[in-house]
Protein backbone atom coordinates (compact mmCIF):
# COMPACT_ATOMS: atom_id res chain seq x y z
CA MET A 1 143.59 140.58 157.30
CA ARG A 2 139.95 140.59 156.21
CA LEU A 3 138.59 137.06 156.34
CA LEU A 4 135.19 136.07 154.94
CA VAL A 5 133.72 132.80 156.27
CA CYS A 6 130.77 131.60 154.16
CA PRO A 7 130.17 127.84 154.43
CA ASP A 8 127.20 125.61 153.74
CA LYS A 9 126.03 123.13 156.38
CA PHE A 10 127.95 119.97 157.23
CA ALA A 11 125.03 117.59 156.71
CA GLY A 12 124.35 115.37 159.69
CA THR A 13 126.59 117.30 162.09
CA LEU A 14 126.64 121.11 161.97
CA SER A 15 124.40 123.85 160.57
CA ALA A 16 125.99 126.50 158.36
CA PRO A 17 126.01 129.11 161.19
CA ASP A 18 127.63 126.55 163.51
CA VAL A 19 130.34 125.84 160.93
CA ALA A 20 130.99 129.55 160.44
CA ARG A 21 131.25 130.16 164.19
CA ALA A 22 133.67 127.26 164.69
CA VAL A 23 135.96 128.51 161.90
CA ALA A 24 135.84 132.08 163.22
CA ASP A 25 136.63 130.96 166.77
CA GLY A 26 139.66 128.99 165.61
CA TRP A 27 140.97 131.85 163.49
CA ARG A 28 140.56 134.42 166.27
CA GLU A 29 142.44 132.22 168.73
CA ARG A 30 145.54 132.62 166.58
CA SER A 31 144.92 136.07 165.06
CA PRO A 32 142.55 138.03 167.30
CA GLY A 33 143.17 141.34 165.52
CA ASP A 34 141.91 140.22 162.12
CA GLU A 35 138.54 141.29 160.75
CA VAL A 36 136.35 138.18 160.44
CA THR A 37 133.00 138.39 158.65
CA LEU A 38 130.51 135.52 158.83
CA ARG A 39 128.05 134.86 156.00
CA PRO A 40 126.71 131.28 156.39
CA LEU A 41 124.91 130.01 153.28
CA SER A 42 122.16 127.71 152.08
CA ASP A 43 120.92 126.77 148.61
CA GLY A 44 117.37 126.19 149.86
CA GLY A 45 117.95 122.89 151.63
CA PRO A 46 118.39 122.25 155.37
CA GLY A 47 119.33 125.43 157.22
CA PHE A 48 117.52 127.76 154.82
CA VAL A 49 115.43 129.48 157.50
CA GLU A 50 118.26 129.68 160.03
CA VAL A 51 120.60 131.31 157.50
CA LEU A 52 117.98 133.90 156.53
CA ALA A 53 116.80 134.69 160.07
CA GLU A 54 119.36 137.43 160.70
CA PRO A 55 119.18 139.32 157.38
CA VAL A 56 115.38 139.06 157.22
CA GLY A 57 114.82 140.15 160.81
CA GLY A 58 111.09 139.85 161.44
CA ARG A 59 109.91 137.02 163.64
CA ARG A 60 110.08 133.25 163.72
CA ILE A 61 106.72 131.58 164.29
CA PRO A 62 106.89 128.07 165.79
CA VAL A 63 104.67 125.53 164.04
CA ARG A 64 103.85 121.99 165.09
CA THR A 65 103.71 119.89 161.93
CA THR A 66 104.52 116.34 160.78
CA ASP A 67 107.57 114.55 159.39
CA PRO A 68 107.66 112.42 156.20
CA LEU A 69 106.00 109.53 158.04
CA GLY A 70 103.31 111.63 159.71
CA ARG A 71 104.93 111.90 163.14
CA PRO A 72 104.82 115.22 165.04
CA VAL A 73 107.81 117.50 164.52
CA ASP A 74 108.60 121.11 165.38
CA ALA A 75 109.27 123.60 162.59
CA GLU A 76 108.92 127.33 162.03
CA VAL A 77 107.86 130.08 159.65
CA LEU A 78 110.12 133.10 159.23
CA LEU A 79 107.98 136.21 158.65
CA SER A 80 109.46 139.41 157.27
CA GLN A 81 109.30 142.60 159.31
CA ASP A 82 106.35 143.97 157.34
CA GLY A 83 104.62 140.57 157.37
CA SER A 84 104.27 140.40 153.59
CA THR A 85 106.76 137.60 152.94
CA ALA A 86 107.24 134.29 154.72
CA TYR A 87 110.11 131.83 154.40
CA VAL A 88 109.65 128.14 155.08
CA GLU A 89 111.99 125.19 154.74
CA SER A 90 110.73 121.95 153.25
CA ALA A 91 113.45 119.96 155.03
CA GLN A 92 111.99 120.87 158.42
CA ALA A 93 108.93 118.76 157.57
CA CYS A 94 110.07 116.54 154.68
CA GLY A 95 113.80 116.22 155.35
CA LEU A 96 115.71 113.01 154.82
CA HIS A 97 117.55 113.74 158.06
CA LEU A 98 114.27 113.24 159.97
CA LEU A 99 114.29 109.52 159.13
CA ASP A 100 116.55 106.69 160.14
CA GLU A 101 118.07 104.88 157.19
CA HIS A 102 115.73 101.88 157.51
CA GLU A 103 112.72 104.25 157.42
CA ARG A 104 113.50 105.70 154.01
CA ASN A 105 110.73 104.74 151.59
CA PRO A 106 109.62 107.26 148.94
CA ARG A 107 106.65 105.06 148.09
CA ILE A 108 104.96 106.19 151.32
CA THR A 109 106.71 109.34 152.58
CA THR A 110 104.63 112.49 152.37
CA SER A 111 105.05 116.24 151.99
CA TYR A 112 101.91 116.88 154.09
CA GLY A 113 103.94 118.59 156.81
CA LEU A 114 105.18 121.22 154.36
CA GLY A 115 101.58 122.03 153.50
CA VAL A 116 100.96 122.73 157.18
CA LEU A 117 103.86 125.20 157.15
CA VAL A 118 102.60 126.93 154.00
CA LEU A 119 99.13 127.18 155.50
CA ALA A 120 100.57 128.70 158.69
CA ALA A 121 102.47 131.25 156.60
CA VAL A 122 99.35 132.23 154.68
CA GLU A 123 97.29 132.47 157.85
CA ALA A 124 99.96 134.76 159.33
CA GLY A 125 99.18 137.19 156.50
CA ALA A 126 102.04 136.54 154.08
CA ARG A 127 101.32 137.45 150.46
CA THR A 128 104.46 135.70 149.22
CA VAL A 129 105.70 132.36 150.60
CA VAL A 130 109.27 131.41 149.71
CA ILE A 131 109.83 127.67 150.12
CA GLY A 132 113.38 126.39 150.42
CA LEU A 133 113.52 123.05 148.59
CA GLY A 134 116.18 120.43 149.18
CA GLY A 135 117.16 117.45 151.26
CA SER A 136 113.71 115.87 151.08
CA ALA A 137 112.75 112.28 151.87
CA THR A 138 109.64 112.51 149.68
CA ASN A 139 108.80 111.71 146.08
CA ASP A 140 105.11 112.64 145.94
CA ALA A 141 105.18 115.70 143.64
CA GLY A 142 103.77 117.78 146.50
CA ALA A 143 100.59 115.70 146.74
CA GLY A 144 100.83 115.69 150.52
CA MET A 145 101.36 119.43 150.59
CA LEU A 146 98.28 119.93 148.43
CA ALA A 147 96.26 117.66 150.72
CA ALA A 148 97.16 119.84 153.71
CA LEU A 149 96.05 122.87 151.70
CA GLY A 150 92.65 121.31 151.02
CA ALA A 151 93.24 119.65 147.62
CA ALA A 152 93.77 115.99 148.44
CA PRO A 153 94.36 113.60 145.50
CA LEU A 154 91.42 111.26 144.86
CA ASP A 155 91.08 107.99 142.97
CA GLU A 156 88.47 107.39 140.25
CA HIS A 157 85.87 106.58 142.92
CA GLY A 158 86.40 109.89 144.73
CA THR A 159 88.25 108.28 147.64
CA ALA A 160 91.25 110.10 149.10
CA LEU A 161 94.51 108.35 148.26
CA PRO A 162 97.00 107.19 150.90
CA TYR A 163 100.08 109.35 151.36
CA GLY A 164 103.21 108.75 149.31
CA GLY A 165 104.30 108.71 145.70
CA ALA A 166 103.24 105.17 144.90
CA ALA A 167 99.54 105.83 145.53
CA LEU A 168 99.55 108.52 142.83
CA ALA A 169 99.46 105.74 140.24
CA HIS A 170 95.71 105.78 140.96
CA ALA A 171 95.22 109.56 141.02
CA ALA A 172 92.20 110.76 139.06
CA ALA A 173 91.30 114.16 140.54
CA LEU A 174 91.89 116.70 143.28
CA GLY A 175 89.32 117.00 146.03
CA GLY A 176 89.21 120.79 146.08
CA GLN A 177 91.15 123.96 145.38
CA PRO A 178 94.21 124.76 147.52
CA MET A 179 93.61 127.34 150.25
CA THR A 180 96.49 129.68 149.53
CA ARG A 181 94.32 132.85 149.77
CA GLY A 182 95.95 134.29 146.70
CA ALA A 183 99.48 134.14 148.07
CA THR A 184 102.32 133.70 145.58
CA LEU A 185 104.56 130.67 146.09
CA VAL A 186 108.25 130.76 145.22
CA ALA A 187 110.43 127.63 145.17
CA ALA A 188 114.01 128.41 146.16
CA THR A 189 116.09 125.69 144.55
CA ASP A 190 119.11 125.18 142.31
CA VAL A 191 117.84 121.84 141.00
CA ASP A 192 116.68 122.13 137.39
CA ASN A 193 115.48 118.56 136.88
CA PRO A 194 112.05 117.99 135.33
CA LEU A 195 109.42 116.03 137.22
CA THR A 196 109.55 112.83 135.17
CA GLY A 197 111.77 110.90 132.78
CA LEU A 198 115.42 109.87 132.81
CA HIS A 199 116.47 113.11 134.52
CA GLY A 200 113.35 113.39 136.67
CA ALA A 201 112.84 113.35 140.41
CA SER A 202 112.32 109.59 140.73
CA SER A 203 115.21 108.50 138.52
CA VAL A 204 117.84 110.92 139.81
CA TYR A 205 116.99 111.35 143.48
CA GLY A 206 114.75 108.37 144.28
CA PRO A 207 117.61 105.94 145.03
CA GLN A 208 119.12 108.14 147.74
CA LYS A 209 115.69 108.23 149.40
CA GLY A 210 115.43 104.44 149.53
CA ALA A 211 113.99 103.56 146.10
CA ASP A 212 115.19 100.48 144.21
CA ARG A 213 114.92 100.11 140.44
CA ALA A 214 111.35 98.81 140.56
CA ASP A 215 110.36 101.68 142.86
CA VAL A 216 111.88 104.24 140.49
CA LEU A 217 109.86 102.94 137.54
CA LEU A 218 106.65 102.82 139.58
CA LEU A 219 107.16 106.30 141.03
CA ASP A 220 108.05 107.88 137.71
CA ALA A 221 104.85 106.53 136.13
CA ALA A 222 102.83 107.64 139.18
CA LEU A 223 104.18 111.20 139.00
CA GLU A 224 103.46 111.36 135.29
CA ARG A 225 99.85 110.43 135.99
CA PHE A 226 99.60 112.96 138.80
CA ALA A 227 101.00 115.69 136.56
CA GLY A 228 98.03 115.09 134.28
CA VAL A 229 95.70 115.55 137.24
CA LEU A 230 97.38 118.82 138.17
CA VAL A 231 96.98 120.14 134.63
CA LYS A 232 93.33 119.05 134.54
CA ASP A 233 92.20 120.33 137.95
CA LEU A 234 94.32 123.40 138.70
CA PRO A 235 93.60 126.38 136.41
CA SER A 236 96.99 127.89 137.25
CA CYS A 237 98.97 124.78 136.24
CA PRO A 238 101.13 125.05 133.10
CA PRO A 239 100.24 122.35 130.55
CA ASP A 240 103.87 121.22 130.38
CA VAL A 241 104.45 121.21 134.14
CA ALA A 242 106.11 117.77 134.13
CA THR A 243 108.91 118.92 131.83
CA LEU A 244 109.61 122.36 133.28
CA PRO A 245 113.04 122.99 134.86
CA GLY A 246 112.83 122.73 138.63
CA ALA A 247 109.64 120.67 138.64
CA GLY A 248 111.60 117.69 139.96
CA ALA A 249 113.11 119.57 142.90
CA ALA A 250 112.60 117.96 146.31
CA GLY A 251 110.79 114.90 145.00
CA GLY A 252 108.55 116.95 142.72
CA LEU A 253 107.61 119.70 145.17
CA GLY A 254 108.76 122.10 142.48
CA ALA A 255 105.97 120.80 140.24
CA ALA A 256 103.36 121.50 142.92
CA VAL A 257 104.62 125.07 143.34
CA LEU A 258 104.52 125.63 139.57
CA ALA A 259 101.05 124.06 139.39
CA LEU A 260 99.84 126.60 141.94
CA GLY A 261 100.97 129.42 139.69
CA GLY A 262 104.27 129.87 141.53
CA ARG A 263 107.80 130.10 140.19
CA CYS A 264 111.26 128.69 140.78
CA GLU A 265 114.19 130.91 141.74
CA SER A 266 117.82 130.11 142.44
CA GLY A 267 118.11 129.26 146.13
CA ILE A 268 121.76 130.22 146.41
CA GLY A 269 121.10 133.37 144.38
CA LEU A 270 118.28 134.40 146.70
CA VAL A 271 120.34 133.78 149.84
CA THR A 272 123.52 135.45 148.61
CA GLY A 273 121.53 138.51 147.57
CA MET A 274 119.82 138.80 150.94
CA ILE A 275 122.98 138.39 153.02
CA GLY A 276 125.09 140.73 150.88
CA LEU A 277 127.66 138.14 149.83
CA GLU A 278 128.87 140.08 146.78
CA THR A 279 129.75 143.09 148.90
CA ALA A 280 131.48 140.89 151.46
CA LEU A 281 133.53 139.21 148.71
CA ASP A 282 134.60 142.63 147.42
CA ALA A 283 136.10 143.45 150.82
CA ALA A 284 137.79 140.11 151.55
CA ASP A 285 141.49 139.22 151.50
CA LEU A 286 140.76 135.52 152.01
CA VAL A 287 137.60 133.42 151.74
CA ILE A 288 136.89 130.21 153.65
CA THR A 289 133.92 128.13 152.55
CA GLY A 290 133.00 124.47 152.92
CA GLU A 291 130.47 121.68 153.20
CA GLY A 292 130.20 118.18 154.61
CA SER A 293 131.47 116.35 151.53
CA PHE A 294 133.52 118.13 148.89
CA ASP A 295 133.11 115.85 145.87
CA HIS A 296 132.37 115.89 142.13
CA GLN A 297 128.89 117.35 142.73
CA SER A 298 130.25 120.29 144.71
CA LEU A 299 131.54 122.07 141.63
CA ARG A 300 128.25 121.81 139.74
CA GLY A 301 126.04 124.60 141.00
CA LYS A 302 126.41 124.10 144.74
CA VAL A 303 127.33 126.64 147.40
CA VAL A 304 131.06 125.98 147.33
CA ALA A 305 131.27 126.40 143.55
CA GLY A 306 129.44 129.72 143.67
CA VAL A 307 131.64 131.10 146.44
CA ALA A 308 134.86 129.91 144.80
CA GLY A 309 133.84 131.41 141.47
CA GLY A 310 133.13 134.75 143.10
CA ALA A 311 136.50 134.71 144.87
CA ARG A 312 138.33 133.73 141.67
CA ASP A 313 136.70 136.59 139.75
CA ARG A 314 138.12 139.01 142.32
CA GLY A 315 141.58 137.43 142.52
CA VAL A 316 140.95 136.43 146.15
CA PRO A 317 142.25 133.07 147.45
CA CYS A 318 139.58 130.60 148.53
CA VAL A 319 140.06 127.75 151.02
CA VAL A 320 137.59 124.87 151.33
CA LEU A 321 137.05 123.01 154.60
CA ALA A 322 135.02 119.79 154.47
CA GLY A 323 134.25 116.67 156.40
CA ARG A 324 135.80 114.68 153.58
CA VAL A 325 137.45 115.71 150.30
CA SER A 326 137.37 113.56 147.17
CA THR A 327 137.81 116.24 144.50
CA GLY A 328 141.21 116.36 142.84
CA ARG A 329 143.50 119.35 143.26
CA ARG A 330 143.52 120.24 139.58
CA GLU A 331 139.74 120.19 139.32
CA ALA A 332 139.45 122.26 142.48
CA ALA A 333 142.05 124.77 141.24
CA ASN A 334 140.17 125.20 137.97
CA ALA A 335 137.11 126.18 140.02
CA GLY A 336 139.05 128.90 141.85
CA ILE A 337 139.92 126.92 145.00
CA THR A 338 143.38 127.54 146.44
CA GLU A 339 143.53 124.64 148.87
CA THR A 340 141.31 122.10 150.61
CA HIS A 341 141.35 120.56 154.09
CA SER A 342 139.25 117.71 155.46
CA LEU A 343 138.25 116.69 158.97
CA VAL A 344 138.85 113.06 158.09
CA ASP A 345 142.48 113.82 157.25
CA HIS A 346 142.82 116.06 160.29
CA PHE A 347 141.58 113.42 162.74
CA GLY A 348 142.71 110.35 160.83
CA SER A 349 139.28 108.71 161.01
CA GLU A 350 135.78 109.34 159.76
CA ALA A 351 134.27 108.39 163.12
CA GLU A 352 136.27 111.08 164.91
CA ALA A 353 135.44 113.62 162.22
CA MET A 354 131.72 112.95 162.69
CA ALA A 355 132.00 113.03 166.49
CA ARG A 356 134.02 116.26 166.84
CA PRO A 357 133.43 118.44 163.76
CA ALA A 358 133.38 121.79 165.56
CA ALA A 359 136.62 121.08 167.40
CA GLY A 360 138.28 119.96 164.19
CA LEU A 361 137.19 123.07 162.32
CA ARG A 362 138.52 125.30 165.09
CA GLU A 363 141.88 123.52 165.02
CA ILE A 364 142.19 123.68 161.23
CA ALA A 365 141.16 127.34 161.19
CA SER A 366 143.72 128.17 163.86
CA ARG A 367 146.42 126.51 161.78
CA LEU A 368 145.29 128.39 158.68
CA ALA A 369 145.46 131.69 160.57
CA GLY A 370 149.08 130.94 161.35
CA GLN A 371 149.76 130.42 157.65
CA TRP A 372 147.68 133.20 156.12
CA SER A 373 147.26 136.02 158.62
CA ARG A 374 149.39 139.15 158.21
CA GLN A 375 149.84 139.22 161.97
């Protein structure tokens, strides 16, 4: 039996590599002679650097930066073997997981820490910096990142603005040109939202970052104003940056990348290409994928949907493991998913599922090996 294990992270509990290892351990306990291949995945959000570390090789450079509220936090830059390309993860500096629930406030959270990471990558000699976008606590259109790069937003009096999206309602100019030393920025994301409007960063993602209705309206107007500043003060900024697909990714960080002359690429496409997922799918008899919550969003461009589609195209069965499952069987089957299993159902409680995810995955995988393995 050739088993391919290619999960996303279980947000709040296990990284994608941890999930993959737990599933593999459980399977091998029951069927030690099977061939088990691990290909943990990320779409650009939390775990992006960890997932790419093995296929990229190179070296991981530790960087001391700041979290969304300006507190010190440890992060890293992944540098390719030839030093030409660096990979950084916005969630390591801007991630929602870095804040307690009562601390979530996109009016004041900042992407400054990501700018520190980009600067470290450029100073390490990288000519291309790939930024994994996703899971952010910020809604500042990359204003904090630009400030760290030497282009702080200013008000009409030339005074530097406070951090956060709300202050951008008073943005009038940038205080310099970003110090990227000619490096090309690439945003790795599968979010295609524009920066502003009904489908923009503030309206769609603001509420999960702590924004109420009044905050959403204020932030959307502030980002629209800031987009005008980007167009005015950055020669590389497209005139329609606010409406471009991907500009709204990670609270508008996509817009900042585009304004710096960068581009957006599919995060899951980039990762799957680098780890050789297509080749691994070709060789598999069974695929196991998964994520923390398998719900209606999972089948719309996320990791699980991509894996299931690839398995379906090859006639290979695909099993989804998740912390919780709320997607119906028919909808899952239409996406190429053979069966689903949840930790909540396995343990009988959400608290136990959150407390012992690795143990639960091992137990479920062992049971699946008994059902599926040719041994």
